Amino acid sequence: MSFLLVLFLNMPSSDLQVREILRQGRDQGKLSASQKRIVLNEFKKSGVMALTREKLRDYEIELSRSLNDLELATGQENWTLRLLLLRLSIGPCC
């Protein structure tokens, strides 16, 4: 289960319609485009999208610091890991 979904389902105000849509998606193995739009809109409205983005940014900063420490310890820049972090980045952070 994704972090975003766990956050949403643990919110006391999580929408019953979304819970039902997610249950149907689990049972049927897919969601329609309109169901996906409803779920995405509710995720945005509840604030879990912003919380997830914030958490990802925190992880990105932590990984960047760890990579800096590794490079200092080894005396070598690791361009492979730097490129990977850049590709995984969610936007400007550090």
Protein backbone atom coordinates (compact mmCIF):
# COMPACT_ATOMS: atom_id res chain seq x y z
CA MET A 1 0.00 0.00 0.00
CA SER A 2 1.36 3.42 -0.87
CA PHE A 3 2.28 6.06 1.69
CA LEU A 4 -0.30 8.41 0.20
CA LEU A 5 -3.06 5.82 0.48
CA VAL A 6 -2.14 4.93 4.06
CA LEU A 7 -2.25 8.60 5.04
CA PHE A 8 -5.62 9.07 3.40
CA LEU A 9 -7.24 5.97 4.85
CA ASN A 10 -6.03 6.85 8.36
CA MET A 11 -7.62 10.29 8.22
CA PRO A 12 -10.87 10.44 10.17
CA SER A 13 -12.38 12.59 7.44
CA SER A 14 -11.52 10.24 4.56
CA ASP A 15 -14.39 10.14 2.09
CA LEU A 16 -16.62 7.03 2.15
CA GLN A 17 -17.14 7.29 -1.60
CA VAL A 18 -13.39 7.05 -2.15
CA ARG A 19 -13.15 4.06 0.18
CA GLU A 20 -15.87 2.33 -1.82
CA ILE A 21 -14.19 3.17 -5.14
CA LEU A 22 -10.90 1.78 -3.84
CA ARG A 23 -12.63 -1.39 -2.64
CA GLN A 24 -14.25 -1.84 -6.05
CA GLY A 25 -10.89 -1.26 -7.73
CA ARG A 26 -9.30 -3.91 -5.56
CA ASP A 27 -12.08 -6.39 -6.33
CA GLN A 28 -12.21 -5.65 -10.07
CA GLY A 29 -8.48 -5.14 -10.52
CA LYS A 30 -8.89 -1.69 -12.10
CA LEU A 31 -10.53 1.73 -11.84
CA SER A 32 -12.21 3.73 -14.57
CA ALA A 33 -10.80 7.12 -15.57
CA SER A 34 -13.66 8.91 -13.80
CA GLN A 35 -13.07 6.88 -10.62
CA LYS A 36 -9.38 7.76 -10.75
CA ARG A 37 -10.26 11.47 -11.10
CA ILE A 38 -12.55 11.30 -8.06
CA VAL A 39 -9.88 9.59 -5.96
CA LEU A 40 -7.16 12.02 -7.09
CA ASN A 41 -9.36 15.04 -6.37
CA GLU A 42 -10.14 13.73 -2.88
CA PHE A 43 -6.44 13.08 -2.23
CA LYS A 44 -5.66 16.67 -3.21
CA LYS A 45 -8.56 18.08 -1.19
CA SER A 46 -7.57 16.14 1.94
CA GLY A 47 -3.98 17.39 1.81
CA VAL A 48 -2.33 13.97 1.54
CA MET A 49 -0.75 14.85 -1.81
CA ALA A 50 1.05 17.81 -0.20
CA LEU A 51 2.08 15.72 2.83
CA THR A 52 3.46 13.00 0.56
CA ARG A 53 5.40 15.54 -1.49
CA GLU A 54 6.81 17.04 1.71
CA LYS A 55 7.92 13.60 2.93
CA LEU A 56 9.55 12.82 -0.42
CA ARG A 57 11.40 16.13 -0.27
CA ASP A 58 12.63 15.28 3.25
CA TYR A 59 13.92 11.91 1.99
CA GLU A 60 15.59 13.59 -0.97
CA ILE A 61 17.42 16.02 1.32
CA GLU A 62 18.49 13.18 3.61
CA LEU A 63 19.77 11.11 0.67
CA SER A 64 21.67 14.09 -0.72
CA ARG A 65 23.37 14.65 2.65
CA SER A 66 24.24 10.97 2.90
CA LEU A 67 25.74 11.03 -0.58
CA ASN A 68 27.80 14.10 0.34
CA ASP A 69 29.07 12.28 3.45
CA LEU A 70 29.93 9.20 1.37
CA GLU A 71 31.82 11.29 -1.16
CA LEU A 72 33.75 13.04 1.60
CA ALA A 73 34.61 9.71 3.22
CA THR A 74 35.83 8.15 -0.02
CA GLY A 75 37.36 11.29 -1.51
CA GLN A 76 35.52 10.62 -4.79
CA GLU A 77 32.42 12.10 -6.35
CA ASN A 78 29.83 9.51 -7.28
CA TRP A 79 28.24 10.82 -10.45
CA THR A 80 26.16 7.70 -10.92
CA LEU A 81 24.34 8.19 -7.63
CA ARG A 82 24.11 11.95 -8.21
CA LEU A 83 22.44 11.33 -11.56
CA LEU A 84 20.06 8.82 -9.97
CA LEU A 85 19.09 11.34 -7.28
CA LEU A 86 18.59 13.99 -9.93
CA ARG A 87 16.31 11.69 -11.95
CA LEU A 88 14.29 10.79 -8.84
CA SER A 89 14.02 14.39 -7.67
CA ILE A 90 10.55 15.86 -7.21
CA GLY A 91 11.85 19.37 -7.73
CA PRO A 92 14.16 22.00 -6.26
CA CYS A 93 15.02 21.24 -2.67
CA CYS A 94 18.70 21.22 -1.80
